Amino acid sequence: MVVRGAPAIAITAALALAVEVSNLDFTGTPVEAASFVSKKLEYLVSSRPTAVNLSDAATKLQNLVSKTAESAKDASAVFQVYIEAAETMLVDDVADNKAIGSHGAEFLQRQLGNSKNISVLTHCNTGSLATAGYGTALGVIRALHSGGVLEKAFCTETRPFNQGSRLTAFELVHEKIPATLIADSAASALMKQGRVQAVIVGADRIAANGDTANKIGTYNLAISAKHHGVQFYVAAPVTSIDLALPSGDGIVIEERSPKELLNSEGGLGKQVAASGILVWNPAFDVTPANLITAIITEKGVITKTDADGAFDIKGFIQSAK
């Protein structure tokens, strides 16, 4: 958890390997260099099974070095192409996040009747500390604020690792965005009082039908939002979409250490729970597509295509190319 946030995980992995190959004394052929990079990427992908951005980036980079090796004169040429591609990913992620923010802010305003006083709730951390910069769901909040239409952002503490209270609250205060921190268990009460018009969250993996894996507790928020008539949005780059998965049933959910629940400070402090108690600590849950109002991407906003509340994500991506 030194690096967390699906986009940040992918970019950090790519750049970490770029640092390694930039200083590598490699004597093999271009094909061997491509194989070296590919195997390293496979190892990195095994570190985080839920977030699709990492495997998506790895696949693109593997294909790139494999193709480069076919015509490269030496191994260094393969490594240089890889380094440049990894650096480009860093730049592109910031641009993509700003586009997500812009699309999301414009769409929310239209959906909410061009209101000038929009309050939203967000979960976990989806800002500059979870991406290359600006953020996804938090990027939408930034865009609303810069547009002068954000009344307040509410952020959950996001137990047990407290990404909301430790990271999102920090970013909101740093950016001087009007914000209030709430306990995870206070979200339904907040919605019942009518204090938020929308919930905006990020995503670690989005299935082809729109089912979305995100930080544990997201599903709770979606159910509550549905009950209270609050719009529920997912904000993520298209690299978070996994068209190979027909639904969220196939998403592998990472489980974290029991210490995160047994000890204070997300497992870093003293033990507070009774010794001998068993722990179930999934890091993510899957929110069904029927609970999601729309999916905000850098290519635009994916909306429902029929009365049954289905998304045509594949069609959207194809038309956006």
C-alpha atoms as a PDB file:
ATOM      1  CA  MET A   1       0.000   0.000   0.000  1.00  0.00           C
ATOM      2  CA  VAL A   2       2.985   2.321  -0.426  1.00  0.00           C
ATOM      3  CA  VAL A   3       1.514   2.910  -3.883  1.00  0.00           C
ATOM      4  CA  ARG A   4      -2.266   2.650  -4.182  1.00  0.00           C
ATOM      5  CA  GLY A   5      -4.835   3.840  -6.670  1.00  0.00           C
ATOM      6  CA  ALA A   6      -5.289   1.894  -9.914  1.00  0.00           C
ATOM      7  CA  PRO A   7      -3.773   4.488 -12.303  1.00  0.00           C
ATOM      8  CA  ALA A   8      -0.865   5.215  -9.953  1.00  0.00           C
ATOM      9  CA  ILE A   9      -0.106   1.507  -9.560  1.00  0.00           C
ATOM     10  CA  ALA A  10       0.144   1.066 -13.336  1.00  0.00           C
ATOM     11  CA  ILE A  11       2.312   4.130 -13.900  1.00  0.00           C
ATOM     12  CA  THR A  12       4.599   3.433 -10.962  1.00  0.00           C
ATOM     13  CA  ALA A  13       5.152  -0.134 -12.141  1.00  0.00           C
ATOM     14  CA  ALA A  14       5.940   0.997 -15.689  1.00  0.00           C
ATOM     15  CA  LEU A  15       8.314   3.741 -14.556  1.00  0.00           C
ATOM     16  CA  ALA A  16      10.024   1.531 -11.975  1.00  0.00           C
ATOM     17  CA  LEU A  17      10.948  -0.940 -14.705  1.00  0.00           C
ATOM     18  CA  ALA A  18      12.030   1.974 -16.907  1.00  0.00           C
ATOM     19  CA  VAL A  19      14.492   3.015 -14.204  1.00  0.00           C
ATOM     20  CA  GLU A  20      15.824  -0.530 -14.008  1.00  0.00           C
ATOM     21  CA  VAL A  21      16.408  -0.955 -17.750  1.00  0.00           C
ATOM     22  CA  SER A  22      17.900   2.532 -18.111  1.00  0.00           C
ATOM     23  CA  ASN A  23      20.841   1.475 -15.938  1.00  0.00           C
ATOM     24  CA  LEU A  24      21.032  -2.145 -17.001  1.00  0.00           C
ATOM     25  CA  ASP A  25      24.225  -3.714 -18.350  1.00  0.00           C
ATOM     26  CA  PHE A  26      22.483  -6.061 -20.767  1.00  0.00           C
ATOM     27  CA  THR A  27      24.429  -8.146 -23.288  1.00  0.00           C
ATOM     28  CA  GLY A  28      21.582 -10.082 -24.910  1.00  0.00           C
ATOM     29  CA  THR A  29      19.815  -9.688 -28.246  1.00  0.00           C
ATOM     30  CA  PRO A  30      16.819  -7.405 -28.911  1.00  0.00           C
ATOM     31  CA  VAL A  31      14.500 -10.423 -28.652  1.00  0.00           C
ATOM     32  CA  GLU A  32      16.044 -11.348 -25.292  1.00  0.00           C
ATOM     33  CA  ALA A  33      15.638  -7.745 -24.149  1.00  0.00           C
ATOM     34  CA  ALA A  34      11.955  -7.833 -25.048  1.00  0.00           C
ATOM     35  CA  SER A  35      11.582 -11.137 -23.186  1.00  0.00           C
ATOM     36  CA  PHE A  36      13.327  -9.642 -20.151  1.00  0.00           C
ATOM     37  CA  VAL A  37      10.905  -6.694 -20.085  1.00  0.00           C
ATOM     38  CA  SER A  38       7.885  -8.927 -20.647  1.00  0.00           C
ATOM     39  CA  LYS A  39       8.747 -11.247 -17.765  1.00  0.00           C
ATOM     40  CA  LYS A  40       9.358  -8.312 -15.426  1.00  0.00           C
ATOM     41  CA  LEU A  41       5.961  -6.877 -16.345  1.00  0.00           C
ATOM     42  CA  GLU A  42       4.268 -10.220 -15.714  1.00  0.00           C
ATOM     43  CA  TYR A  43       5.793 -10.254 -12.232  1.00  0.00           C
ATOM     44  CA  LEU A  44       4.597  -6.706 -11.542  1.00  0.00           C
ATOM     45  CA  VAL A  45       1.056  -7.559 -12.650  1.00  0.00           C
ATOM     46  CA  SER A  46       0.914 -10.378 -10.090  1.00  0.00           C
ATOM     47  CA  SER A  47       1.255  -7.827  -7.260  1.00  0.00           C
ATOM     48  CA  ARG A  48      -2.292  -6.402  -7.551  1.00  0.00           C
ATOM     49  CA  PRO A  49      -4.993  -8.693  -9.003  1.00  0.00           C
ATOM     50  CA  THR A  50      -8.053  -6.428  -8.851  1.00  0.00           C
ATOM     51  CA  ALA A  51      -6.995  -3.220 -10.641  1.00  0.00           C
ATOM     52  CA  VAL A  52      -7.037  -3.734 -14.418  1.00  0.00           C
ATOM     53  CA  ASN A  53      -4.940  -0.642 -15.273  1.00  0.00           C
ATOM     54  CA  LEU A  54      -1.731  -2.472 -14.362  1.00  0.00           C
ATOM     55  CA  SER A  55      -2.391  -5.464 -16.601  1.00  0.00           C
ATOM     56  CA  ASP A  56      -3.636  -3.190 -19.394  1.00  0.00           C
ATOM     57  CA  ALA A  57      -0.448  -1.112 -19.297  1.00  0.00           C
ATOM     58  CA  ALA A  58       1.706  -4.245 -19.121  1.00  0.00           C
ATOM     59  CA  THR A  59       0.017  -5.799 -22.160  1.00  0.00           C
ATOM     60  CA  LYS A  60       0.478  -2.650 -24.241  1.00  0.00           C
ATOM     61  CA  LEU A  61       4.134  -2.364 -23.243  1.00  0.00           C
ATOM     62  CA  GLN A  62       4.777  -6.058 -23.893  1.00  0.00           C
ATOM     63  CA  ASN A  63       3.321  -5.761 -27.380  1.00  0.00           C
ATOM     64  CA  LEU A  64       5.395  -2.658 -28.022  1.00  0.00           C
ATOM     65  CA  VAL A  65       8.759  -4.162 -27.046  1.00  0.00           C
ATOM     66  CA  SER A  66       7.975  -7.389 -28.888  1.00  0.00           C
ATOM     67  CA  LYS A  67       7.279  -5.482 -32.092  1.00  0.00           C
ATOM     68  CA  THR A  68      10.330  -3.243 -31.600  1.00  0.00           C
ATOM     69  CA  ALA A  69      12.601  -6.260 -31.152  1.00  0.00           C
ATOM     70  CA  GLU A  70      11.750  -7.447 -34.654  1.00  0.00           C
ATOM     71  CA  SER A  71      13.681  -4.600 -36.248  1.00  0.00           C
ATOM     72  CA  ALA A  72      15.916  -3.227 -33.470  1.00  0.00           C
ATOM     73  CA  LYS A  73      19.666  -3.389 -33.988  1.00  0.00           C
ATOM     74  CA  ASP A  74      20.481  -3.927 -30.327  1.00  0.00           C
ATOM     75  CA  ALA A  75      18.912  -4.406 -26.903  1.00  0.00           C
ATOM     76  CA  SER A  76      19.364  -0.759 -25.922  1.00  0.00           C
ATOM     77  CA  ALA A  77      16.958   0.287 -28.677  1.00  0.00           C
ATOM     78  CA  VAL A  78      14.260  -1.950 -27.185  1.00  0.00           C
ATOM     79  CA  PHE A  79      14.857  -0.523 -23.722  1.00  0.00           C
ATOM     80  CA  GLN A  80      14.772   3.064 -25.019  1.00  0.00           C
ATOM     81  CA  VAL A  81      11.427   2.532 -26.722  1.00  0.00           C
ATOM     82  CA  TYR A  82      10.075   1.071 -23.491  1.00  0.00           C
ATOM     83  CA  ILE A  83      11.341   4.022 -21.411  1.00  0.00           C
ATOM     84  CA  GLU A  84       9.770   6.565 -23.764  1.00  0.00           C
ATOM     85  CA  ALA A  85       6.451   4.712 -23.736  1.00  0.00           C
ATOM     86  CA  ALA A  86       6.403   4.579 -19.922  1.00  0.00           C
ATOM     87  CA  GLU A  87       7.107   8.310 -19.720  1.00  0.00           C
ATOM     88  CA  THR A  88       4.318   8.996 -22.212  1.00  0.00           C
ATOM     89  CA  MET A  89       1.890   7.069 -20.003  1.00  0.00           C
ATOM     90  CA  LEU A  90       2.685   9.484 -17.184  1.00  0.00           C
ATOM     91  CA  VAL A  91       1.896  12.532 -19.299  1.00  0.00           C
ATOM     92  CA  ASP A  92      -1.205  10.987 -20.858  1.00  0.00           C
ATOM     93  CA  ASP A  93      -2.696  10.052 -17.478  1.00  0.00           C
ATOM     94  CA  VAL A  94      -2.741  13.660 -16.290  1.00  0.00           C
ATOM     95  CA  ALA A  95      -4.365  14.802 -19.542  1.00  0.00           C
ATOM     96  CA  ASP A  96      -6.914  11.975 -19.324  1.00  0.00           C
ATOM     97  CA  ASN A  97      -7.785  12.881 -15.745  1.00  0.00           C
ATOM     98  CA  LYS A  98      -8.376  16.521 -16.627  1.00  0.00           C
ATOM     99  CA  ALA A  99     -10.670  15.377 -19.431  1.00  0.00           C
ATOM    100  CA  ILE A 100     -12.554  13.146 -16.968  1.00  0.00           C
ATOM    101  CA  GLY A 101     -12.957  16.137 -14.667  1.00  0.00           C
ATOM    102  CA  SER A 102     -14.257  18.353 -17.452  1.00  0.00           C
ATOM    103  CA  HIS A 103     -16.698  15.778 -18.863  1.00  0.00           C
ATOM    104  CA  GLY A 104     -17.934  14.884 -15.402  1.00  0.00           C
ATOM    105  CA  ALA A 105     -18.485  18.434 -14.216  1.00  0.00           C
ATOM    106  CA  GLU A 106     -20.393  19.375 -17.376  1.00  0.00           C
ATOM    107  CA  PHE A 107     -22.547  16.241 -17.240  1.00  0.00           C
ATOM    108  CA  LEU A 108     -23.389  16.647 -13.545  1.00  0.00           C
ATOM    109  CA  GLN A 109     -24.448  20.238 -14.065  1.00  0.00           C
ATOM    110  CA  ARG A 110     -26.783  19.239 -16.883  1.00  0.00           C
ATOM    111  CA  GLN A 111     -28.216  16.346 -14.871  1.00  0.00           C
ATOM    112  CA  LEU A 112     -28.808  18.593 -11.877  1.00  0.00           C
ATOM    113  CA  GLY A 113     -30.520  21.387 -13.816  1.00  0.00           C
ATOM    114  CA  ASN A 114     -27.458  23.639 -14.051  1.00  0.00           C
ATOM    115  CA  SER A 115     -27.407  24.030 -10.285  1.00  0.00           C
ATOM    116  CA  LYS A 116     -24.816  26.436  -8.913  1.00  0.00           C
ATOM    117  CA  ASN A 117     -24.763  24.730  -5.511  1.00  0.00           C
ATOM    118  CA  ILE A 118     -23.751  21.113  -6.009  1.00  0.00           C
ATOM    119  CA  SER A 119     -22.651  18.971  -3.079  1.00  0.00           C
ATOM    120  CA  VAL A 120     -21.129  15.554  -3.671  1.00  0.00           C
ATOM    121  CA  LEU A 121     -19.886  12.612  -1.657  1.00  0.00           C
ATOM    122  CA  THR A 122     -16.763  10.671  -2.571  1.00  0.00           C
ATOM    123  CA  HIS A 123     -15.135   7.527  -1.220  1.00  0.00           C
ATOM    124  CA  CYS A 124     -11.519   6.404  -0.804  1.00  0.00           C
ATOM    125  CA  ASN A 125      -8.859   8.490  -2.582  1.00  0.00           C
ATOM    126  CA  THR A 126      -9.043   9.212  -6.302  1.00  0.00           C
ATOM    127  CA  GLY A 127      -6.963  12.370  -6.564  1.00  0.00           C
ATOM    128  CA  SER A 128      -3.377  13.270  -7.380  1.00  0.00           C
ATOM    129  CA  LEU A 129      -2.159  10.747  -4.806  1.00  0.00           C
ATOM    130  CA  ALA A 130      -3.911   7.899  -6.637  1.00  0.00           C
ATOM    131  CA  THR A 131      -3.006   8.885 -10.200  1.00  0.00           C
ATOM    132  CA  ALA A 132      -0.263  10.681 -12.120  1.00  0.00           C
ATOM    133  CA  GLY A 133      -2.006  13.904 -11.188  1.00  0.00           C
ATOM    134  CA  TYR A 134      -5.367  15.746 -10.869  1.00  0.00           C
ATOM    135  CA  GLY A 135      -7.409  12.612 -10.221  1.00  0.00           C
ATOM    136  CA  THR A 136     -10.506  10.818 -11.492  1.00  0.00           C
ATOM    137  CA  ALA A 137     -13.522  11.168  -9.176  1.00  0.00           C
ATOM    138  CA  LEU A 138     -11.672  13.850  -7.242  1.00  0.00           C
ATOM    139  CA  GLY A 139     -10.811  15.404 -10.604  1.00  0.00           C
ATOM    140  CA  VAL A 140     -14.535  15.883 -11.229  1.00  0.00           C
ATOM    141  CA  ILE A 141     -14.802  17.562  -7.836  1.00  0.00           C
ATOM    142  CA  ARG A 142     -11.851  19.816  -8.698  1.00  0.00           C
ATOM    143  CA  ALA A 143     -13.540  20.769 -11.971  1.00  0.00           C
ATOM    144  CA  LEU A 144     -16.826  21.544 -10.216  1.00  0.00           C
ATOM    145  CA  HIS A 145     -14.960  23.718  -7.733  1.00  0.00           C
ATOM    146  CA  SER A 146     -12.972  25.588 -10.382  1.00  0.00           C
ATOM    147  CA  GLY A 147     -16.244  26.163 -12.243  1.00  0.00           C
ATOM    148  CA  GLY A 148     -17.716  27.825  -9.174  1.00  0.00           C
ATOM    149  CA  VAL A 149     -20.609  25.380  -8.786  1.00  0.00           C
ATOM    150  CA  LEU A 150     -19.394  23.173  -5.929  1.00  0.00           C
ATOM    151  CA  GLU A 151     -20.986  23.970  -2.605  1.00  0.00           C
ATOM    152  CA  LYS A 152     -19.227  21.206  -0.666  1.00  0.00           C
ATOM    153  CA  ALA A 153     -17.434  17.906  -1.065  1.00  0.00           C
ATOM    154  CA  PHE A 154     -17.998  15.238   1.564  1.00  0.00           C
ATOM    155  CA  CYS A 155     -15.433  12.467   1.892  1.00  0.00           C
ATOM    156  CA  THR A 156     -15.706   9.232   3.826  1.00  0.00           C
ATOM    157  CA  GLU A 157     -12.902   8.162   6.131  1.00  0.00           C
ATOM    158  CA  THR A 158     -12.756   4.875   4.136  1.00  0.00           C
ATOM    159  CA  ARG A 159     -11.971   2.248   6.740  1.00  0.00           C
ATOM    160  CA  PRO A 160     -10.016   0.235   7.520  1.00  0.00           C
ATOM    161  CA  PHE A 161      -6.990   1.881   5.851  1.00  0.00           C
ATOM    162  CA  ASN A 162      -8.444   5.396   6.066  1.00  0.00           C
ATOM    163  CA  GLN A 163      -7.552   6.570   2.570  1.00  0.00           C
ATOM    164  CA  GLY A 164     -10.324   9.152   2.796  1.00  0.00           C
ATOM    165  CA  SER A 165      -9.328  10.751   6.075  1.00  0.00           C
ATOM    166  CA  ARG A 166      -5.590  10.500   5.432  1.00  0.00           C
ATOM    167  CA  LEU A 167      -5.366  11.292   1.708  1.00  0.00           C
ATOM    168  CA  THR A 168      -8.575  12.738   0.258  1.00  0.00           C
ATOM    169  CA  ALA A 169      -9.066  15.113   3.185  1.00  0.00           C
ATOM    170  CA  PHE A 170      -5.452  16.246   2.745  1.00  0.00           C
ATOM    171  CA  GLU A 171      -5.937  16.933  -0.964  1.00  0.00           C
ATOM    172  CA  LEU A 172      -9.204  18.809  -0.427  1.00  0.00           C
ATOM    173  CA  VAL A 173      -7.690  21.018   2.259  1.00  0.00           C
ATOM    174  CA  HIS A 174      -4.546  21.585   0.168  1.00  0.00           C
ATOM    175  CA  GLU A 175      -6.660  22.674  -2.822  1.00  0.00           C
ATOM    176  CA  LYS A 176      -8.825  24.878  -0.579  1.00  0.00           C
ATOM    177  CA  ILE A 177     -11.955  23.027  -1.664  1.00  0.00           C
ATOM    178  CA  PRO A 178     -14.823  23.316   0.858  1.00  0.00           C
ATOM    179  CA  ALA A 179     -15.047  19.844   2.335  1.00  0.00           C
ATOM    180  CA  THR A 180     -16.305  17.810   5.281  1.00  0.00           C
ATOM    181  CA  LEU A 181     -15.075  14.417   6.490  1.00  0.00           C
ATOM    182  CA  ILE A 182     -17.685  11.881   7.609  1.00  0.00           C
ATOM    183  CA  ALA A 183     -17.604   8.404   9.121  1.00  0.00           C
ATOM    184  CA  ASP A 184     -18.318   5.655   6.597  1.00  0.00           C
ATOM    185  CA  SER A 185     -21.422   4.751   8.591  1.00  0.00           C
ATOM    186  CA  ALA A 186     -22.798   8.317   8.347  1.00  0.00           C
ATOM    187  CA  ALA A 187     -23.257   8.282   4.568  1.00  0.00           C
ATOM    188  CA  SER A 188     -26.891   7.121   4.574  1.00  0.00           C
ATOM    189  CA  ALA A 189     -27.862   9.726   7.154  1.00  0.00           C
ATOM    190  CA  LEU A 190     -26.167  12.383   5.019  1.00  0.00           C
ATOM    191  CA  MET A 191     -28.200  11.335   1.983  1.00  0.00           C
ATOM    192  CA  LYS A 192     -31.433  11.150   3.949  1.00  0.00           C
ATOM    193  CA  GLN A 193     -30.971  14.777   4.997  1.00  0.00           C
ATOM    194  CA  GLY A 194     -30.620  15.741   1.339  1.00  0.00           C
ATOM    195  CA  ARG A 195     -27.169  17.208   1.801  1.00  0.00           C
ATOM    196  CA  VAL A 196     -25.648  15.640  -1.336  1.00  0.00           C
ATOM    197  CA  GLN A 197     -26.951  15.467  -4.892  1.00  0.00           C
ATOM    198  CA  ALA A 198     -24.451  12.953  -6.201  1.00  0.00           C
ATOM    199  CA  VAL A 199     -21.905  10.320  -5.211  1.00  0.00           C
ATOM    200  CA  ILE A 200     -18.729  10.129  -7.308  1.00  0.00           C
ATOM    201  CA  VAL A 201     -16.275   7.242  -6.917  1.00  0.00           C
ATOM    202  CA  GLY A 202     -13.357   5.812  -8.839  1.00  0.00           C
ATOM    203  CA  ALA A 203     -12.866   2.284 -10.152  1.00  0.00           C
ATOM    204  CA  ASP A 204     -10.256  -0.440 -10.083  1.00  0.00           C
ATOM    205  CA  ARG A 205     -11.948  -2.551 -12.742  1.00  0.00           C
ATOM    206  CA  ILE A 206     -15.119  -2.102 -14.785  1.00  0.00           C
ATOM    207  CA  ALA A 207     -16.639  -5.158 -16.470  1.00  0.00           C
ATOM    208  CA  ALA A 208     -18.148  -5.042 -19.957  1.00  0.00           C
ATOM    209  CA  ASN A 209     -21.664  -4.679 -18.535  1.00  0.00           C
ATOM    210  CA  GLY A 210     -20.698  -1.801 -16.202  1.00  0.00           C
ATOM    211  CA  ASP A 211     -20.326  -3.756 -12.952  1.00  0.00           C
ATOM    212  CA  THR A 212     -17.589  -1.920 -11.079  1.00  0.00           C
ATOM    213  CA  ALA A 213     -14.992  -3.051  -8.565  1.00  0.00           C
ATOM    214  CA  ASN A 214     -13.855  -0.295  -6.254  1.00  0.00           C
ATOM    215  CA  LYS A 215     -12.777   0.216  -2.650  1.00  0.00           C
ATOM    216  CA  ILE A 216     -14.772  -1.765  -0.121  1.00  0.00           C
ATOM    217  CA  GLY A 217     -17.819   0.239   0.949  1.00  0.00           C
ATOM    218  CA  THR A 218     -18.606   1.518  -2.545  1.00  0.00           C
ATOM    219  CA  TYR A 219     -21.438  -1.008  -2.923  1.00  0.00           C
ATOM    220  CA  ASN A 220     -22.947   0.210   0.363  1.00  0.00           C
ATOM    221  CA  LEU A 221     -22.939   3.786  -0.941  1.00  0.00           C
ATOM    222  CA  ALA A 222     -24.548   2.760  -4.235  1.00  0.00           C
ATOM    223  CA  ILE A 223     -27.396   0.949  -2.469  1.00  0.00           C
ATOM    224  CA  SER A 224     -28.003   3.912  -0.200  1.00  0.00           C
ATOM    225  CA  ALA A 225     -27.841   6.360  -3.111  1.00  0.00           C
ATOM    226  CA  LYS A 226     -30.431   4.322  -5.014  1.00  0.00           C
ATOM    227  CA  HIS A 227     -32.749   4.305  -1.993  1.00  0.00           C
ATOM    228  CA  HIS A 228     -32.455   8.051  -1.464  1.00  0.00           C
ATOM    229  CA  GLY A 229     -32.657   9.067  -5.127  1.00  0.00           C
ATOM    230  CA  VAL A 230     -29.072  10.312  -5.231  1.00  0.00           C
ATOM    231  CA  GLN A 231     -27.193  10.010  -8.514  1.00  0.00           C
ATOM    232  CA  PHE A 232     -24.239   7.612  -8.406  1.00  0.00           C
ATOM    233  CA  TYR A 233     -21.287   8.083 -10.765  1.00  0.00           C
ATOM    234  CA  VAL A 234     -18.127   6.135 -11.512  1.00  0.00           C
ATOM    235  CA  ALA A 235     -15.189   8.178 -12.842  1.00  0.00           C
ATOM    236  CA  ALA A 236     -12.318   6.249 -14.422  1.00  0.00           C
ATOM    237  CA  PRO A 237     -10.135   6.135 -17.540  1.00  0.00           C
ATOM    238  CA  VAL A 238     -11.038   3.627 -20.259  1.00  0.00           C
ATOM    239  CA  THR A 239      -7.971   1.632 -19.186  1.00  0.00           C
ATOM    240  CA  SER A 240     -10.020   0.637 -16.125  1.00  0.00           C
ATOM    241  CA  ILE A 241     -12.548  -1.092 -18.386  1.00  0.00           C
ATOM    242  CA  ASP A 242     -12.066  -4.824 -18.928  1.00  0.00           C
ATOM    243  CA  LEU A 243     -14.159  -5.868 -21.921  1.00  0.00           C
ATOM    244  CA  ALA A 244     -12.938  -9.452 -21.489  1.00  0.00           C
ATOM    245  CA  LEU A 245     -15.089  -9.736 -18.365  1.00  0.00           C
ATOM    246  CA  PRO A 246     -18.806  -9.934 -19.183  1.00  0.00           C
ATOM    247  CA  SER A 247     -19.783  -9.076 -15.606  1.00  0.00           C
ATOM    248  CA  GLY A 248     -18.372  -8.290 -12.190  1.00  0.00           C
ATOM    249  CA  ASP A 249     -18.729 -11.917 -11.129  1.00  0.00           C
ATOM    250  CA  GLY A 250     -15.339 -12.643 -12.686  1.00  0.00           C
ATOM    251  CA  ILE A 251     -13.430  -9.889 -10.899  1.00  0.00           C
ATOM    252  CA  VAL A 252     -10.807 -11.208  -8.481  1.00  0.00           C
ATOM    253  CA  ILE A 253     -11.134  -9.428  -5.135  1.00  0.00           C
ATOM    254  CA  GLU A 254      -7.925  -8.889  -3.196  1.00  0.00           C
ATOM    255  CA  GLU A 255      -8.086  -9.605   0.526  1.00  0.00           C
ATOM    256  CA  ARG A 256      -5.937  -7.610   2.899  1.00  0.00           C
ATOM    257  CA  SER A 257      -4.182  -8.416   6.175  1.00  0.00           C
ATOM    258  CA  PRO A 258      -6.365  -9.031   9.260  1.00  0.00           C
ATOM    259  CA  LYS A 259      -4.156  -6.530  11.098  1.00  0.00           C
ATOM    260  CA  GLU A 260      -5.887  -3.669   9.262  1.00  0.00           C
ATOM    261  CA  LEU A 261      -8.995  -4.428  11.316  1.00  0.00           C
ATOM    262  CA  LEU A 262      -7.392  -5.806  14.450  1.00  0.00           C
ATOM    263  CA  ASN A 263      -5.085  -2.828  15.020  1.00  0.00           C
ATOM    264  CA  SER A 264      -5.615   0.915  15.005  1.00  0.00           C
ATOM    265  CA  GLU A 265      -4.275   3.164  12.245  1.00  0.00           C
ATOM    266  CA  GLY A 266      -5.180   0.674   9.535  1.00  0.00           C
ATOM    267  CA  GLY A 267      -3.069  -2.051  11.096  1.00  0.00           C
ATOM    268  CA  LEU A 268      -0.069   0.119  11.911  1.00  0.00           C
ATOM    269  CA  GLY A 269      -1.023   0.931  15.506  1.00  0.00           C
ATOM    270  CA  LYS A 270      -1.811  -1.016  18.652  1.00  0.00           C
ATOM    271  CA  GLN A 271      -4.261  -3.908  18.744  1.00  0.00           C
ATOM    272  CA  VAL A 272      -7.806  -2.860  19.577  1.00  0.00           C
ATOM    273  CA  ALA A 273      -9.811  -6.008  18.742  1.00  0.00           C
ATOM    274  CA  ALA A 274     -10.027  -9.105  20.892  1.00  0.00           C
ATOM    275  CA  SER A 275      -7.303 -11.664  20.313  1.00  0.00           C
ATOM    276  CA  GLY A 276      -8.646 -14.775  18.606  1.00  0.00           C
ATOM    277  CA  ILE A 277     -11.396 -13.058  16.613  1.00  0.00           C
ATOM    278  CA  LEU A 278     -11.506 -14.063  12.946  1.00  0.00           C
ATOM    279  CA  VAL A 279     -11.297 -11.359  10.273  1.00  0.00           C
ATOM    280  CA  TRP A 280     -12.685 -10.971   6.743  1.00  0.00           C
ATOM    281  CA  ASN A 281     -11.058  -7.998   5.068  1.00  0.00           C
ATOM    282  CA  PRO A 282     -11.759  -7.694   1.318  1.00  0.00           C
ATOM    283  CA  ALA A 283     -10.114  -4.612  -0.177  1.00  0.00           C
ATOM    284  CA  PHE A 284     -12.811  -4.133  -2.808  1.00  0.00           C
ATOM    285  CA  ASP A 285     -16.445  -4.855  -3.579  1.00  0.00           C
ATOM    286  CA  VAL A 286     -18.397  -4.933  -6.836  1.00  0.00           C
ATOM    287  CA  THR A 287     -21.226  -2.488  -7.486  1.00  0.00           C
ATOM    288  CA  PRO A 288     -23.807  -3.807  -9.994  1.00  0.00           C
ATOM    289  CA  ALA A 289     -24.297  -1.696 -13.105  1.00  0.00           C
ATOM    290  CA  ASN A 290     -27.990  -1.159 -12.358  1.00  0.00           C
ATOM    291  CA  LEU A 291     -27.009   0.997  -9.371  1.00  0.00           C
ATOM    292  CA  ILE A 292     -24.723   3.251 -11.430  1.00  0.00           C
ATOM    293  CA  THR A 293     -26.140   6.391 -13.071  1.00  0.00           C
ATOM    294  CA  ALA A 294     -23.289   6.847 -15.560  1.00  0.00           C
ATOM    295  CA  ILE A 295     -19.594   6.155 -16.076  1.00  0.00           C
ATOM    296  CA  ILE A 296     -17.385   9.189 -16.665  1.00  0.00           C
ATOM    297  CA  THR A 297     -14.284   8.635 -18.827  1.00  0.00           C
ATOM    298  CA  GLU A 298     -11.758  10.798 -20.661  1.00  0.00           C
ATOM    299  CA  LYS A 299     -13.615   9.953 -23.892  1.00  0.00           C
ATOM    300  CA  GLY A 300     -16.952  11.163 -22.576  1.00  0.00           C
ATOM    301  CA  VAL A 301     -19.755   9.905 -20.356  1.00  0.00           C
ATOM    302  CA  ILE A 302     -21.193   6.403 -20.802  1.00  0.00           C
ATOM    303  CA  THR A 303     -24.934   6.476 -20.152  1.00  0.00           C
ATOM    304  CA  LYS A 304     -27.613   3.804 -20.035  1.00  0.00           C
ATOM    305  CA  THR A 305     -28.902   2.649 -23.409  1.00  0.00           C
ATOM    306  CA  ASP A 306     -32.292   1.220 -22.459  1.00  0.00           C
ATOM    307  CA  ALA A 307     -34.992   1.061 -19.834  1.00  0.00           C
ATOM    308  CA  ASP A 308     -33.369  -1.979 -18.247  1.00  0.00           C
ATOM    309  CA  GLY A 309     -30.434   0.166 -17.195  1.00  0.00           C
ATOM    310  CA  ALA A 310     -27.814  -1.486 -19.382  1.00  0.00           C
ATOM    311  CA  PHE A 311     -24.564   0.080 -20.577  1.00  0.00           C
ATOM    312  CA  ASP A 312     -23.186  -0.478 -24.087  1.00  0.00           C
ATOM    313  CA  ILE A 313     -19.591   0.073 -23.060  1.00  0.00           C
ATOM    314  CA  LYS A 314     -18.084  -1.821 -25.982  1.00  0.00           C
ATOM    315  CA  GLY A 315     -20.071   0.287 -28.427  1.00  0.00           C
ATOM    316  CA  PHE A 316     -19.035   3.476 -26.638  1.00  0.00           C
ATOM    317  CA  ILE A 317     -15.337   2.618 -26.803  1.00  0.00           C
ATOM    318  CA  GLN A 318     -15.546   1.666 -30.466  1.00  0.00           C
ATOM    319  CA  SER A 319     -17.290   4.908 -31.379  1.00  0.00           C
ATOM    320  CA  ALA A 320     -14.861   6.969 -29.303  1.00  0.00           C
ATOM    321  CA  LYS A 321     -11.762   5.706 -31.168  1.00  0.00           C
END
